[in-house]
């Protein structure tokens, strides 16, 4: 296996790896048809075996502290994508990608990294095993129909709405709506 920087010609395989990796997770519904680009600098790595992308890791990092990371007042990096093809899991690929990314981030004076994940216990356990600490939680709430949601734009009717709930009554939200995910933040100091 080789870990290297992402190249534009990797896009189709990158998307394929991400889609297959997310199918059996709580992020199954967040499908990308192309690789996103970043406003800020980013470490973009792929794990390759037999000319096939089997793992991906993107970390967008700050040039000014507290721009989009929130765990510390120092420079941070946000894991935006971390995935290993299901046929290659439990072989240390995710960890190898993370180790390489951390080396590169340290060279750029990034002090810590954050990741926000949904309520897949095995994903939480992986981050804890990589020496991340829990940062906090909020809810991802999917609402069918208007169900309490309205629009200020005339003629715009909510049909399917995605919301972030940062209030205090999580149990009420979980009882009221069918699709509610707990989103948990993790962070790790790397310097």
C-alpha atoms as a PDB file:
ATOM      1  CA  UNK A   1       0.000   0.000   0.000  1.00  0.00           C
ATOM      2  CA  UNK A   2       1.150   3.508  -0.835  1.00  0.00           C
ATOM      3  CA  UNK A   3      -0.002   6.728   0.831  1.00  0.00           C
ATOM      4  CA  UNK A   4       0.341   9.770  -1.388  1.00  0.00           C
ATOM      5  CA  UNK A   5      -1.193  13.149  -2.096  1.00  0.00           C
ATOM      6  CA  UNK A   6      -4.499  13.251  -3.928  1.00  0.00           C
ATOM      7  CA  UNK A   7      -4.254  14.127  -7.635  1.00  0.00           C
ATOM      8  CA  UNK A   8      -7.065  15.471  -9.823  1.00  0.00           C
ATOM      9  CA  UNK A   9      -7.126  12.275 -11.901  1.00  0.00           C
ATOM     10  CA  UNK A  10      -7.980  10.372  -8.664  1.00  0.00           C
ATOM     11  CA  UNK A  11     -11.402  12.010  -8.404  1.00  0.00           C
ATOM     12  CA  UNK A  12     -13.538   9.144  -9.768  1.00  0.00           C
ATOM     13  CA  UNK A  13     -11.838   6.541  -7.557  1.00  0.00           C
ATOM     14  CA  UNK A  14     -11.895   8.949  -4.584  1.00  0.00           C
ATOM     15  CA  UNK A  15     -15.679   9.378  -4.929  1.00  0.00           C
ATOM     16  CA  UNK A  16     -16.155   5.627  -5.362  1.00  0.00           C
ATOM     17  CA  UNK A  17     -14.145   4.854  -2.223  1.00  0.00           C
ATOM     18  CA  UNK A  18     -16.058   7.457  -0.203  1.00  0.00           C
ATOM     19  CA  UNK A  19     -19.492   6.260  -1.366  1.00  0.00           C
ATOM     20  CA  UNK A  20     -18.751   2.594  -0.653  1.00  0.00           C
ATOM     21  CA  UNK A  21     -17.164   3.439   2.699  1.00  0.00           C
ATOM     22  CA  UNK A  22     -20.154   5.460   3.894  1.00  0.00           C
ATOM     23  CA  UNK A  23     -22.914   3.022   2.856  1.00  0.00           C
ATOM     24  CA  UNK A  24     -22.915   1.127   6.168  1.00  0.00           C
ATOM     25  CA  UNK A  25     -22.538   4.208   8.372  1.00  0.00           C
ATOM     26  CA  UNK A  26     -24.879   6.875   9.708  1.00  0.00           C
ATOM     27  CA  UNK A  27     -23.595   9.094   6.870  1.00  0.00           C
ATOM     28  CA  UNK A  28     -25.082   6.788   4.212  1.00  0.00           C
ATOM     29  CA  UNK A  29     -27.287   9.622   2.957  1.00  0.00           C
ATOM     30  CA  UNK A  30     -24.548  12.164   2.305  1.00  0.00           C
ATOM     31  CA  UNK A  31     -23.498  11.181  -1.203  1.00  0.00           C
ATOM     32  CA  UNK A  32     -21.025  13.216  -3.219  1.00  0.00           C
ATOM     33  CA  UNK A  33     -20.743  12.954  -6.984  1.00  0.00           C
ATOM     34  CA  UNK A  34     -17.458  14.872  -7.102  1.00  0.00           C
ATOM     35  CA  UNK A  35     -14.693  15.667  -4.663  1.00  0.00           C
ATOM     36  CA  UNK A  36     -15.166  18.921  -2.846  1.00  0.00           C
ATOM     37  CA  UNK A  37     -12.594  21.681  -3.016  1.00  0.00           C
ATOM     38  CA  UNK A  38     -11.523  23.797  -0.071  1.00  0.00           C
ATOM     39  CA  UNK A  39     -11.388  27.518   0.609  1.00  0.00           C
ATOM     40  CA  UNK A  40      -8.493  27.045   3.020  1.00  0.00           C
ATOM     41  CA  UNK A  41      -5.337  24.968   2.557  1.00  0.00           C
ATOM     42  CA  UNK A  42      -5.858  21.218   2.949  1.00  0.00           C
ATOM     43  CA  UNK A  43      -3.932  17.989   3.332  1.00  0.00           C
ATOM     44  CA  UNK A  44      -5.534  15.581   0.831  1.00  0.00           C
ATOM     45  CA  UNK A  45      -4.236  12.008   0.980  1.00  0.00           C
ATOM     46  CA  UNK A  46      -5.158   8.710  -0.626  1.00  0.00           C
ATOM     47  CA  UNK A  47      -4.132   5.141   0.164  1.00  0.00           C
ATOM     48  CA  UNK A  48      -3.558   3.164  -3.009  1.00  0.00           C
ATOM     49  CA  UNK A  49      -3.153  -0.552  -3.611  1.00  0.00           C
ATOM     50  CA  UNK A  50      -2.995  -2.156  -7.072  1.00  0.00           C
ATOM     51  CA  UNK A  51      -3.856   1.219  -8.646  1.00  0.00           C
ATOM     52  CA  UNK A  52      -7.093   1.330  -6.620  1.00  0.00           C
ATOM     53  CA  UNK A  53      -7.893   3.991  -4.018  1.00  0.00           C
ATOM     54  CA  UNK A  54      -8.699   2.125  -0.818  1.00  0.00           C
ATOM     55  CA  UNK A  55      -8.587   4.994   1.671  1.00  0.00           C
ATOM     56  CA  UNK A  56      -9.003   8.777   1.735  1.00  0.00           C
ATOM     57  CA  UNK A  57      -8.264  11.533   4.214  1.00  0.00           C
ATOM     58  CA  UNK A  58      -8.840  15.262   3.738  1.00  0.00           C
ATOM     59  CA  UNK A  59      -8.003  17.771   6.456  1.00  0.00           C
ATOM     60  CA  UNK A  60      -8.708  21.440   5.827  1.00  0.00           C
ATOM     61  CA  UNK A  61      -6.565  23.591   8.106  1.00  0.00           C
ATOM     62  CA  UNK A  62      -6.654  27.123   9.417  1.00  0.00           C
ATOM     63  CA  UNK A  63      -4.247  29.924   8.658  1.00  0.00           C
ATOM     64  CA  UNK A  64      -5.829  32.023  11.395  1.00  0.00           C
ATOM     65  CA  UNK A  65      -6.900  30.340  14.640  1.00  0.00           C
ATOM     66  CA  UNK A  66     -10.612  29.894  15.418  1.00  0.00           C
ATOM     67  CA  UNK A  67     -11.631  30.387  11.774  1.00  0.00           C
ATOM     68  CA  UNK A  68     -13.620  27.142  11.630  1.00  0.00           C
ATOM     69  CA  UNK A  69     -12.093  24.888  14.297  1.00  0.00           C
ATOM     70  CA  UNK A  70     -13.347  25.437  17.836  1.00  0.00           C
ATOM     71  CA  UNK A  71     -11.463  23.170  20.255  1.00  0.00           C
ATOM     72  CA  UNK A  72      -8.548  25.528  20.956  1.00  0.00           C
ATOM     73  CA  UNK A  73      -7.302  29.046  20.288  1.00  0.00           C
ATOM     74  CA  UNK A  74      -4.316  27.686  18.338  1.00  0.00           C
ATOM     75  CA  UNK A  75      -4.268  26.708  14.651  1.00  0.00           C
ATOM     76  CA  UNK A  76      -6.490  23.707  13.968  1.00  0.00           C
ATOM     77  CA  UNK A  77      -7.316  21.320  11.171  1.00  0.00           C
ATOM     78  CA  UNK A  78     -10.725  19.798  10.436  1.00  0.00           C
ATOM     79  CA  UNK A  79     -11.053  16.249   9.148  1.00  0.00           C
ATOM     80  CA  UNK A  80     -13.602  16.632   6.378  1.00  0.00           C
ATOM     81  CA  UNK A  81     -13.311  13.127   4.908  1.00  0.00           C
ATOM     82  CA  UNK A  82     -11.818   9.961   6.343  1.00  0.00           C
ATOM     83  CA  UNK A  83     -12.879   6.685   4.805  1.00  0.00           C
ATOM     84  CA  UNK A  84     -11.511   3.224   4.103  1.00  0.00           C
ATOM     85  CA  UNK A  85     -13.020   0.977   1.436  1.00  0.00           C
ATOM     86  CA  UNK A  86     -15.081  -1.720   3.236  1.00  0.00           C
ATOM     87  CA  UNK A  87     -13.000  -4.547   1.706  1.00  0.00           C
ATOM     88  CA  UNK A  88      -9.833  -3.091   3.283  1.00  0.00           C
ATOM     89  CA  UNK A  89     -10.968  -2.153   6.791  1.00  0.00           C
ATOM     90  CA  UNK A  90      -9.143  -3.221   9.950  1.00  0.00           C
ATOM     91  CA  UNK A  91      -5.758  -3.210   8.237  1.00  0.00           C
ATOM     92  CA  UNK A  92      -4.469   0.054   9.732  1.00  0.00           C
ATOM     93  CA  UNK A  93      -5.137   2.143   6.610  1.00  0.00           C
ATOM     94  CA  UNK A  94      -7.064   4.893   8.401  1.00  0.00           C
ATOM     95  CA  UNK A  95      -4.367   5.100  11.061  1.00  0.00           C
ATOM     96  CA  UNK A  96      -1.602   5.243   8.432  1.00  0.00           C
ATOM     97  CA  UNK A  97      -3.404   8.084   6.627  1.00  0.00           C
ATOM     98  CA  UNK A  98      -3.823   9.946   9.930  1.00  0.00           C
ATOM     99  CA  UNK A  99      -0.151   9.535  10.890  1.00  0.00           C
ATOM    100  CA  UNK A 100       1.009  10.930   7.530  1.00  0.00           C
ATOM    101  CA  UNK A 101      -1.453  13.841   7.730  1.00  0.00           C
ATOM    102  CA  UNK A 102      -0.287  14.699  11.254  1.00  0.00           C
ATOM    103  CA  UNK A 103       3.357  14.874  10.066  1.00  0.00           C
ATOM    104  CA  UNK A 104       2.372  17.295   7.321  1.00  0.00           C
ATOM    105  CA  UNK A 105       0.201  19.404   9.639  1.00  0.00           C
ATOM    106  CA  UNK A 106       2.984  19.724  12.234  1.00  0.00           C
ATOM    107  CA  UNK A 107       5.241  21.153   9.495  1.00  0.00           C
ATOM    108  CA  UNK A 108       2.551  23.806   8.933  1.00  0.00           C
ATOM    109  CA  UNK A 109       2.376  24.685  12.675  1.00  0.00           C
ATOM    110  CA  UNK A 110      -1.118  23.224  13.058  1.00  0.00           C
ATOM    111  CA  UNK A 111      -1.501  22.329  16.746  1.00  0.00           C
ATOM    112  CA  UNK A 112      -4.609  20.147  16.815  1.00  0.00           C
ATOM    113  CA  UNK A 113      -7.182  18.382  14.648  1.00  0.00           C
ATOM    114  CA  UNK A 114     -10.943  18.061  14.990  1.00  0.00           C
ATOM    115  CA  UNK A 115     -13.440  15.618  13.541  1.00  0.00           C
ATOM    116  CA  UNK A 116     -17.233  15.561  13.761  1.00  0.00           C
ATOM    117  CA  UNK A 117     -18.948  12.214  13.287  1.00  0.00           C
ATOM    118  CA  UNK A 118     -22.426  10.784  13.685  1.00  0.00           C
ATOM    119  CA  UNK A 119     -23.489   8.091  16.126  1.00  0.00           C
ATOM    120  CA  UNK A 120     -21.610   5.051  14.800  1.00  0.00           C
ATOM    121  CA  UNK A 121     -20.097   3.538  17.947  1.00  0.00           C
ATOM    122  CA  UNK A 122     -17.285   1.820  16.029  1.00  0.00           C
ATOM    123  CA  UNK A 123     -16.240   5.196  14.555  1.00  0.00           C
ATOM    124  CA  UNK A 124     -16.219   6.777  18.025  1.00  0.00           C
ATOM    125  CA  UNK A 125     -14.089   3.907  19.308  1.00  0.00           C
ATOM    126  CA  UNK A 126     -11.636   4.348  16.431  1.00  0.00           C
ATOM    127  CA  UNK A 127     -11.125   8.048  17.214  1.00  0.00           C
ATOM    128  CA  UNK A 128     -10.646   7.307  20.917  1.00  0.00           C
ATOM    129  CA  UNK A 129      -8.100   4.596  20.031  1.00  0.00           C
ATOM    130  CA  UNK A 130      -6.200   7.229  17.989  1.00  0.00           C
ATOM    131  CA  UNK A 131      -5.887   9.376  21.162  1.00  0.00           C
ATOM    132  CA  UNK A 132      -8.666  11.830  20.321  1.00  0.00           C
ATOM    133  CA  UNK A 133     -10.789  13.267  23.134  1.00  0.00           C
ATOM    134  CA  UNK A 134     -14.501  13.975  23.003  1.00  0.00           C
ATOM    135  CA  UNK A 135     -15.308  17.620  22.335  1.00  0.00           C
ATOM    136  CA  UNK A 136     -19.115  17.852  22.475  1.00  0.00           C
ATOM    137  CA  UNK A 137     -22.321  16.921  20.681  1.00  0.00           C
ATOM    138  CA  UNK A 138     -25.276  18.352  18.799  1.00  0.00           C
ATOM    139  CA  UNK A 139     -28.013  16.765  16.678  1.00  0.00           C
ATOM    140  CA  UNK A 140     -28.560  16.350  12.958  1.00  0.00           C
ATOM    141  CA  UNK A 141     -32.340  16.376  12.462  1.00  0.00           C
ATOM    142  CA  UNK A 142     -34.131  15.480   9.232  1.00  0.00           C
ATOM    143  CA  UNK A 143     -37.681  16.783   9.036  1.00  0.00           C
ATOM    144  CA  UNK A 144     -40.289  15.447   6.605  1.00  0.00           C
ATOM    145  CA  UNK A 145     -42.883  17.927   5.380  1.00  0.00           C
ATOM    146  CA  UNK A 146     -43.280  21.315   6.998  1.00  0.00           C
ATOM    147  CA  UNK A 147     -43.661  19.809  10.518  1.00  0.00           C
ATOM    148  CA  UNK A 148     -42.945  23.083  12.296  1.00  0.00           C
ATOM    149  CA  UNK A 149     -40.610  24.486   9.635  1.00  0.00           C
ATOM    150  CA  UNK A 150     -41.632  27.485   7.548  1.00  0.00           C
ATOM    151  CA  UNK A 151     -40.033  29.641   4.892  1.00  0.00           C
ATOM    152  CA  UNK A 152     -39.898  33.411   4.664  1.00  0.00           C
ATOM    153  CA  UNK A 153     -39.751  33.092   0.875  1.00  0.00           C
ATOM    154  CA  UNK A 154     -43.175  33.204  -0.777  1.00  0.00           C
ATOM    155  CA  UNK A 155     -43.947  29.976  -2.604  1.00  0.00           C
ATOM    156  CA  UNK A 156     -41.047  28.019  -1.029  1.00  0.00           C
ATOM    157  CA  UNK A 157     -42.487  25.032   0.818  1.00  0.00           C
ATOM    158  CA  UNK A 158     -40.273  22.823   3.026  1.00  0.00           C
ATOM    159  CA  UNK A 159     -40.542  19.160   1.977  1.00  0.00           C
ATOM    160  CA  UNK A 160     -37.359  17.603   3.388  1.00  0.00           C
ATOM    161  CA  UNK A 161     -35.338  19.736   5.764  1.00  0.00           C
ATOM    162  CA  UNK A 162     -31.939  19.102   7.347  1.00  0.00           C
ATOM    163  CA  UNK A 163     -31.338  20.963  10.615  1.00  0.00           C
ATOM    164  CA  UNK A 164     -28.670  21.189  13.278  1.00  0.00           C
ATOM    165  CA  UNK A 165     -30.071  21.237  16.795  1.00  0.00           C
ATOM    166  CA  UNK A 166     -27.839  22.736  19.484  1.00  0.00           C
ATOM    167  CA  UNK A 167     -30.549  23.123  22.130  1.00  0.00           C
ATOM    168  CA  UNK A 168     -30.759  21.318  25.451  1.00  0.00           C
ATOM    169  CA  UNK A 169     -33.690  18.922  24.952  1.00  0.00           C
ATOM    170  CA  UNK A 170     -32.164  16.211  22.739  1.00  0.00           C
ATOM    171  CA  UNK A 171     -34.640  13.579  23.917  1.00  0.00           C
ATOM    172  CA  UNK A 172     -37.583  15.704  22.805  1.00  0.00           C
ATOM    173  CA  UNK A 173     -36.053  16.025  19.328  1.00  0.00           C
ATOM    174  CA  UNK A 174     -35.390  12.287  19.143  1.00  0.00           C
ATOM    175  CA  UNK A 175     -39.011  11.520  20.052  1.00  0.00           C
ATOM    176  CA  UNK A 176     -40.514  14.119  17.723  1.00  0.00           C
ATOM    177  CA  UNK A 177     -38.609  13.272  14.527  1.00  0.00           C
ATOM    178  CA  UNK A 178     -37.822   9.900  12.915  1.00  0.00           C
ATOM    179  CA  UNK A 179     -34.311  10.662  11.648  1.00  0.00           C
ATOM    180  CA  UNK A 180     -32.140  12.190  14.320  1.00  0.00           C
ATOM    181  CA  UNK A 181     -28.397  11.597  14.621  1.00  0.00           C
ATOM    182  CA  UNK A 182     -26.100  12.650  17.403  1.00  0.00           C
ATOM    183  CA  UNK A 183     -23.058  14.393  15.941  1.00  0.00           C
ATOM    184  CA  UNK A 184     -20.010  14.124  18.207  1.00  0.00           C
ATOM    185  CA  UNK A 185     -16.837  16.139  17.953  1.00  0.00           C
ATOM    186  CA  UNK A 186     -13.403  14.733  18.685  1.00  0.00           C
ATOM    187  CA  UNK A 187     -10.080  16.552  18.885  1.00  0.00           C
ATOM    188  CA  UNK A 188      -6.434  15.652  19.227  1.00  0.00           C
ATOM    189  CA  UNK A 189      -3.426  17.809  20.042  1.00  0.00           C
ATOM    190  CA  UNK A 190      -0.610  16.909  17.645  1.00  0.00           C
ATOM    191  CA  UNK A 191       2.131  19.342  18.759  1.00  0.00           C
END
